Amino acid sequence: MKHQTLSKIIAIGFAAALLTGCNDTESASQTASDALAAGDYETAVQVASSAIESGAGDKQLYRAKAIALLARGDYEQAESTFLQAFSCSNGFIDRFDIDSSYYMAVAQFKKGEHAQAKETLDSIIALRPKEDGAYYLRGKVELAMQDKESALADFDRTVTLAPENYDRYVGIYEDLHSRGYDGEASSYLEKAMSAGNKLSDYNKGVLEYYLGSYTDARNDLENARKKTDNENLTLYLGKTYEALGDDGYAMSIYEEFVRLNPNAGRIYDQLASCQIKKGDYEGALTTIESGLSLGGGDGMQGLMFNRVVAYERSYDFAKAKKAMDEYLKLYPDDETAVRENVFLSSR
């Protein structure tokens, strides 16, 4: 699909809207949006598609469908559906269009279309030069393009614009660490830690986890849990207990959370990882299937890869190969998986 900049997309969309019109169906939009918020991506796609096919395709419906497709891992259709959402524009670029452009850049990035994703983000930044999130995403794309210097410049810009967004520091750390730039990665954690008393117990605990101060991390995350409980907190608290060697307690934390919050895909993934580590492959596969039944969202890639690992460790190479084929259809750029597939193909 030929890429267009955001400005060109809106211009094209304005012309298309004049010719075809985009009908408003508030109830369908609300239903699709509610399903999306609940993590029910299949319902969101079905409701939006049905309304669109009946001629009621406003940009809220296209956007809801596109985000659900993105969460499901259907990046090609997600990108084309975002373009349809832009075609419903009235010619003026608003917050809605900017937000949709972020998602489209993610779809392009996930497809491996790095130059196109960067162009989309360039357009956002040209229109909104103080959008800290756009600099962060562009930095991720530039890292994938092996342009470290540009990535670091964009990462510096995003933390300058949003100095108290501590999750962003962690995201930058993970991105740099995954590429082997450990020195630069640690420097962002240290910048965040310099905030001192401004840090919440949760943020401090997460930073301490990545810095390897696991006992301090556990203490601060436990203090945070006295006030609230959510998926991120549970994930980091469990991983901290794992790092301290208490896998059993970590698993109990994960199991309790998914019992009360059955849509927490990342927790299923981490629980399955623990079960694989202890040799409970059958239990891991049960957990993985429960997580995959959610139909998309965070944790899906890890769950699909862990399914391969669980079958492989169970010596069921036929099912492992099938699971790997399904995985690589969605994540063809995973070099670890590509190498593992070579091994599975020889079994």
Protein backbone atom coordinates (compact mmCIF):
# COMPACT_ATOMS: atom_id res chain seq x y z
CA MET A 1 0.00 0.00 0.00
CA LYS A 2 1.47 3.35 -1.02
CA HIS A 3 1.97 5.54 2.02
CA GLN A 4 0.61 9.09 2.28
CA THR A 5 1.61 11.72 4.82
CA LEU A 6 -1.05 12.74 7.33
CA SER A 7 -1.68 16.06 5.58
CA LYS A 8 -2.17 14.33 2.22
CA ILE A 9 -4.42 11.71 3.78
CA ILE A 10 -6.71 14.37 5.25
CA ALA A 11 -6.85 16.24 1.95
CA ILE A 12 -7.76 13.06 0.08
CA GLY A 13 -10.25 12.17 2.80
CA PHE A 14 -11.97 15.55 2.47
CA ALA A 15 -12.49 15.02 -1.25
CA ALA A 16 -13.78 11.49 -0.68
CA ALA A 17 -16.15 12.67 2.02
CA LEU A 18 -17.64 15.27 -0.31
CA LEU A 19 -18.25 12.60 -2.94
CA THR A 20 -19.48 9.72 -0.78
CA GLY A 21 -20.40 11.07 2.63
CA CYS A 22 -19.83 9.37 6.00
CA ASN A 23 -22.97 8.56 7.94
CA ASP A 24 -23.17 8.82 11.67
CA THR A 25 -24.54 5.92 13.69
CA GLU A 26 -24.06 6.84 17.29
CA SER A 27 -25.35 3.63 18.82
CA ALA A 28 -23.12 1.36 16.72
CA SER A 29 -20.12 3.58 17.41
CA GLN A 30 -20.81 3.42 21.14
CA THR A 31 -21.26 -0.35 21.11
CA ALA A 32 -18.02 -0.86 19.18
CA SER A 33 -16.18 1.56 21.47
CA ASP A 34 -17.51 -0.18 24.57
CA ALA A 35 -16.39 -3.57 23.23
CA LEU A 36 -12.99 -2.11 22.45
CA ALA A 37 -12.64 -0.70 25.96
CA ALA A 38 -13.56 -4.09 27.39
CA GLY A 39 -10.90 -5.81 25.29
CA ASP A 40 -13.53 -7.67 23.24
CA TYR A 41 -11.88 -7.07 19.90
CA GLU A 42 -13.91 -9.62 17.95
CA THR A 43 -17.16 -7.90 18.92
CA ALA A 44 -15.71 -4.47 18.13
CA VAL A 45 -14.71 -5.62 14.64
CA GLN A 46 -18.05 -7.36 14.01
CA VAL A 47 -20.22 -4.44 15.18
CA ALA A 48 -18.19 -1.86 13.30
CA SER A 49 -18.02 -3.98 10.13
CA SER A 50 -21.77 -4.60 10.16
CA ALA A 51 -22.55 -0.91 10.53
CA ILE A 52 -20.04 0.05 7.84
CA GLU A 53 -21.44 -2.52 5.41
CA SER A 54 -24.91 -1.04 5.95
CA GLY A 55 -23.56 2.33 4.82
CA ALA A 56 -23.15 3.87 8.25
CA GLY A 57 -19.38 4.29 8.24
CA ASP A 58 -18.43 7.31 10.32
CA LYS A 59 -14.84 7.78 11.37
CA GLN A 60 -15.49 6.66 14.94
CA LEU A 61 -16.61 3.28 13.60
CA TYR A 62 -13.64 2.97 11.28
CA ARG A 63 -11.31 3.97 14.11
CA ALA A 64 -12.81 1.44 16.55
CA LYS A 65 -12.54 -1.31 13.94
CA ALA A 66 -8.97 -0.35 13.06
CA ILE A 67 -7.80 -0.32 16.69
CA ALA A 68 -9.43 -3.71 17.28
CA LEU A 69 -7.71 -5.09 14.17
CA LEU A 70 -4.42 -3.69 15.42
CA ALA A 71 -4.91 -5.31 18.82
CA ARG A 72 -5.70 -8.59 17.07
CA GLY A 73 -2.44 -8.39 15.14
CA ASP A 74 -4.05 -7.81 11.74
CA TYR A 75 -1.76 -4.93 10.84
CA GLU A 76 -2.47 -4.81 7.10
CA GLN A 77 -6.22 -4.43 7.54
CA ALA A 78 -5.69 -2.07 10.47
CA GLU A 79 -3.67 0.34 8.34
CA SER A 80 -6.20 0.32 5.49
CA THR A 81 -9.06 0.85 7.94
CA PHE A 82 -7.31 3.84 9.51
CA LEU A 83 -7.04 5.29 6.01
CA GLN A 84 -10.81 4.82 5.66
CA ALA A 85 -11.27 6.67 8.94
CA PHE A 86 -9.27 9.56 7.53
CA SER A 87 -11.52 9.57 4.48
CA CYS A 88 -14.36 10.60 6.81
CA SER A 89 -12.53 13.77 7.83
CA ASN A 90 -14.12 17.15 7.18
CA GLY A 91 -10.77 18.48 6.01
CA PHE A 92 -9.63 19.81 9.37
CA ILE A 93 -7.00 17.91 11.34
CA ASP A 94 -8.25 17.48 14.90
CA ARG A 95 -7.17 15.54 17.98
CA PHE A 96 -9.10 12.53 16.72
CA ASP A 97 -7.07 12.42 13.51
CA ILE A 98 -3.79 12.83 15.38
CA ASP A 99 -4.72 10.00 17.74
CA SER A 100 -5.65 7.73 14.82
CA SER A 101 -2.34 8.58 13.18
CA TYR A 102 -0.46 7.32 16.24
CA TYR A 103 -2.22 3.99 15.93
CA MET A 104 -1.56 3.83 12.20
CA ALA A 105 2.15 4.45 12.80
CA VAL A 106 2.13 1.51 15.23
CA ALA A 107 0.46 -0.69 12.60
CA GLN A 108 3.08 0.32 10.04
CA PHE A 109 5.86 -0.29 12.55
CA LYS A 110 4.49 -3.73 13.39
CA LYS A 111 4.31 -4.55 9.68
CA GLY A 112 7.99 -3.69 9.36
CA GLU A 113 7.23 -0.60 7.28
CA HIS A 114 9.66 1.53 9.25
CA ALA A 115 10.11 4.32 6.71
CA GLN A 116 6.34 4.71 6.38
CA ALA A 117 5.87 4.73 10.16
CA LYS A 118 8.54 7.40 10.50
CA GLU A 119 6.87 9.50 7.81
CA THR A 120 3.55 9.29 9.65
CA LEU A 121 5.24 10.37 12.89
CA ASP A 122 7.11 13.15 11.08
CA SER A 123 3.74 14.47 9.96
CA ILE A 124 2.35 14.39 13.52
CA ILE A 125 5.39 16.23 14.85
CA ALA A 126 5.19 18.84 12.06
CA LEU A 127 1.60 19.56 13.09
CA ARG A 128 2.05 19.13 16.86
CA PRO A 129 5.73 19.84 17.71
CA LYS A 130 5.14 19.30 21.44
CA GLU A 131 3.64 15.81 21.13
CA ASP A 132 6.01 13.92 23.42
CA GLY A 133 4.51 10.55 22.47
CA ALA A 134 5.30 11.10 18.81
CA TYR A 135 8.98 11.66 19.58
CA TYR A 136 9.03 8.49 21.66
CA LEU A 137 7.45 6.37 18.92
CA ARG A 138 9.72 7.91 16.30
CA GLY A 139 12.70 7.01 18.48
CA LYS A 140 11.53 3.38 18.57
CA VAL A 141 11.21 3.38 14.79
CA GLU A 142 14.65 4.96 14.36
CA LEU A 143 16.18 2.29 16.58
CA ALA A 144 14.64 -0.35 14.33
CA MET A 145 16.18 1.50 11.39
CA GLN A 146 19.56 1.32 13.19
CA ASP A 147 19.73 5.10 13.52
CA LYS A 148 20.76 5.24 17.18
CA GLU A 149 21.77 8.90 17.23
CA SER A 150 18.41 10.09 15.91
CA ALA A 151 16.63 7.75 18.32
CA LEU A 152 18.54 9.13 21.32
CA ALA A 153 17.77 12.69 20.22
CA ASP A 154 14.05 11.85 20.07
CA PHE A 155 14.15 10.03 23.41
CA ASP A 156 15.81 13.06 24.98
CA ARG A 157 13.13 15.28 23.47
CA THR A 158 10.27 13.19 24.82
CA VAL A 159 11.60 13.13 28.41
CA THR A 160 12.21 16.87 28.21
CA LEU A 161 8.60 17.43 27.17
CA ALA A 162 7.20 14.96 29.73
CA PRO A 163 9.78 14.72 32.55
CA GLU A 164 7.36 13.08 35.01
CA ASN A 165 6.15 10.32 32.69
CA TYR A 166 8.17 7.62 34.43
CA ASP A 167 6.69 4.80 32.35
CA ARG A 168 8.30 6.49 29.36
CA TYR A 169 11.76 6.21 30.93
CA VAL A 170 11.15 2.51 31.44
CA GLY A 171 9.97 2.11 27.85
CA ILE A 172 13.11 3.83 26.57
CA TYR A 173 15.24 1.61 28.79
CA GLU A 174 13.60 -1.54 27.40
CA ASP A 175 13.95 -0.36 23.81
CA LEU A 176 17.65 0.46 24.19
CA HIS A 177 18.41 -2.63 26.28
CA SER A 178 16.80 -4.89 23.68
CA ARG A 179 19.22 -3.49 21.10
CA GLY A 180 22.25 -3.97 23.34
CA TYR A 181 22.73 -0.30 24.23
CA ASP A 182 22.92 -1.00 27.95
CA GLY A 183 24.93 2.07 28.94
CA GLU A 184 22.52 4.46 27.28
CA ALA A 185 19.56 2.45 28.58
CA SER A 186 20.67 2.69 32.23
CA SER A 187 21.21 6.43 31.93
CA TYR A 188 17.47 6.95 31.43
CA LEU A 189 16.65 4.99 34.56
CA GLU A 190 19.14 7.09 36.49
CA LYS A 191 17.53 10.28 35.15
CA ALA A 192 14.16 9.07 36.36
CA MET A 193 15.50 8.07 39.78
CA SER A 194 16.90 11.57 40.23
CA ALA A 195 13.32 12.77 40.74
CA GLY A 196 13.64 11.48 44.33
CA ASN A 197 10.61 12.19 46.51
CA LYS A 198 8.46 13.01 43.49
CA LEU A 199 8.39 9.31 42.61
CA SER A 200 5.41 7.22 43.72
CA ASP A 201 6.07 3.87 45.41
CA TYR A 202 5.02 2.17 42.17
CA ASN A 203 7.33 4.17 39.91
CA LYS A 204 10.21 3.85 42.31
CA GLY A 205 9.67 0.10 42.58
CA VAL A 206 9.62 -0.36 38.81
CA LEU A 207 12.82 1.62 38.37
CA GLU A 208 14.49 -0.33 41.17
CA TYR A 209 13.44 -3.58 39.49
CA TYR A 210 15.19 -2.62 36.28
CA LEU A 211 18.23 -1.38 38.19
CA GLY A 212 18.47 -4.79 39.86
CA SER A 213 17.62 -3.58 43.39
CA TYR A 214 15.05 -6.32 43.86
CA THR A 215 14.59 -6.13 47.63
CA ASP A 216 13.95 -2.38 47.47
CA ALA A 217 11.68 -2.91 44.49
CA ARG A 218 9.65 -5.53 46.35
CA ASN A 219 9.23 -3.27 49.37
CA ASP A 220 8.11 -0.28 47.34
CA LEU A 221 5.78 -2.29 45.12
CA GLU A 222 4.20 -3.95 48.17
CA ASN A 223 3.63 -0.47 49.62
CA ALA A 224 2.02 0.57 46.35
CA ARG A 225 -0.25 -2.49 46.44
CA LYS A 226 -1.65 -1.35 49.80
CA LYS A 227 -3.21 1.60 47.97
CA THR A 228 -4.19 0.10 44.63
CA ASP A 229 -3.87 -2.98 42.46
CA ASN A 230 -3.66 -3.13 38.68
CA GLU A 231 -2.13 -5.18 35.91
CA ASN A 232 1.15 -3.25 35.70
CA LEU A 233 1.70 -3.36 39.45
CA THR A 234 0.92 -7.08 39.59
CA LEU A 235 3.26 -7.79 36.69
CA TYR A 236 6.22 -5.98 38.22
CA LEU A 237 5.60 -7.26 41.75
CA GLY A 238 5.45 -10.84 40.49
CA LYS A 239 8.57 -10.41 38.35
CA THR A 240 10.37 -8.95 41.36
CA TYR A 241 9.52 -12.04 43.44
CA GLU A 242 10.74 -14.18 40.55
CA ALA A 243 14.02 -12.26 40.53
CA LEU A 244 14.30 -12.89 44.27
CA GLY A 245 13.86 -16.63 43.66
CA ASP A 246 10.32 -16.95 45.02
CA ASP A 247 8.57 -18.23 41.91
CA GLY A 248 5.83 -19.92 43.94
CA TYR A 249 4.67 -16.67 45.51
CA ALA A 250 4.96 -14.86 42.18
CA MET A 251 2.65 -17.45 40.61
CA SER A 252 0.13 -17.06 43.42
CA ILE A 253 0.05 -13.31 42.73
CA TYR A 254 -0.55 -13.91 39.02
CA GLU A 255 -3.20 -16.58 39.62
CA GLU A 256 -5.16 -14.41 42.04
CA PHE A 257 -5.07 -11.46 39.67
CA VAL A 258 -6.37 -13.33 36.60
CA ARG A 259 -9.06 -14.94 38.77
CA LEU A 260 -10.40 -11.45 39.48
CA ASN A 261 -9.34 -9.86 36.16
CA PRO A 262 -9.72 -12.47 33.40
CA ASN A 263 -8.78 -10.04 30.61
CA ALA A 264 -5.19 -9.47 31.80
CA GLY A 265 -3.26 -10.95 28.87
CA ARG A 266 0.22 -10.03 30.10
CA ILE A 267 -0.41 -11.74 33.43
CA TYR A 268 -1.43 -14.96 31.67
CA ASP A 269 1.80 -14.72 29.70
CA GLN A 270 3.97 -14.25 32.78
CA LEU A 271 2.16 -17.04 34.64
CA ALA A 272 2.72 -19.38 31.69
CA SER A 273 6.41 -18.47 31.67
CA CYS A 274 6.65 -19.47 35.34
CA GLN A 275 4.85 -22.74 34.70
CA ILE A 276 7.20 -23.56 31.82
CA LYS A 277 10.19 -22.76 34.01
CA LYS A 278 9.01 -25.24 36.65
CA GLY A 279 8.28 -27.92 34.01
CA ASP A 280 4.48 -27.74 34.21
CA TYR A 281 3.94 -27.70 30.45
CA GLU A 282 0.35 -28.93 30.59
CA GLY A 283 -0.55 -26.22 33.08
CA ALA A 284 1.26 -23.66 30.95
CA LEU A 285 -0.70 -24.66 27.84
CA THR A 286 -3.97 -24.33 29.76
CA THR A 287 -2.95 -20.85 30.90
CA ILE A 288 -1.83 -19.92 27.38
CA GLU A 289 -5.12 -21.01 25.80
CA SER A 290 -7.03 -19.00 28.43
CA GLY A 291 -4.98 -15.93 27.55
CA LEU A 292 -5.27 -16.44 23.79
CA SER A 293 -9.04 -16.79 24.11
CA LEU A 294 -9.12 -13.07 24.86
CA GLY A 295 -8.66 -12.56 21.12
CA GLY A 296 -5.87 -9.99 21.15
CA GLY A 297 -4.23 -7.22 23.12
CA ASP A 298 -1.15 -7.03 25.28
CA GLY A 299 0.58 -10.30 25.98
CA MET A 300 -0.61 -12.07 22.83
CA GLN A 301 2.83 -12.27 21.22
CA GLY A 302 4.39 -13.70 24.37
CA LEU A 303 1.57 -16.20 24.78
CA MET A 304 1.89 -17.41 21.21
CA PHE A 305 5.63 -17.85 21.55
CA ASN A 306 5.28 -19.58 24.91
CA ARG A 307 2.84 -22.00 23.29
CA VAL A 308 5.63 -23.01 20.91
CA VAL A 309 8.03 -23.44 23.82
CA ALA A 310 5.57 -25.51 25.88
CA TYR A 311 4.89 -27.91 23.02
CA GLU A 312 8.59 -28.16 22.23
CA ARG A 313 9.51 -28.90 25.85
CA SER A 314 6.75 -31.55 25.83
CA TYR A 315 8.45 -33.14 22.78
CA ASP A 316 5.30 -32.55 20.73
CA PHE A 317 7.21 -31.16 17.77
CA ALA A 318 4.32 -31.40 15.32
CA LYS A 319 2.17 -29.08 17.43
CA ALA A 320 5.19 -26.88 18.17
CA LYS A 321 5.80 -26.45 14.42
CA LYS A 322 2.15 -25.63 13.79
CA ALA A 323 2.16 -23.09 16.62
CA MET A 324 5.38 -21.59 15.26
CA ASP A 325 3.88 -21.23 11.78
CA GLU A 326 0.94 -19.34 13.29
CA TYR A 327 3.33 -17.17 15.28
CA LEU A 328 5.52 -16.26 12.31
CA LYS A 329 2.51 -15.27 10.22
CA LEU A 330 1.91 -12.48 12.73
CA TYR A 331 5.49 -11.77 13.80
CA PRO A 332 7.74 -12.55 10.82
CA ASP A 333 10.53 -10.21 12.00
CA ASP A 334 11.22 -12.07 15.25
CA GLU A 335 14.77 -13.30 14.64
CA THR A 336 14.73 -15.61 17.66
CA ALA A 337 11.59 -17.31 16.36
CA VAL A 338 13.03 -17.59 12.84
CA ARG A 339 16.10 -19.38 14.21
CA GLU A 340 13.97 -21.65 16.37
CA ASN A 341 11.82 -22.48 13.35
CA VAL A 342 14.89 -23.81 11.56
CA PHE A 343 15.40 -26.23 14.43
CA LEU A 344 11.74 -27.29 14.48
CA SER A 345 11.77 -27.86 10.72
CA SER A 346 14.50 -30.43 11.17
CA ARG A 347 12.62 -32.47 13.75
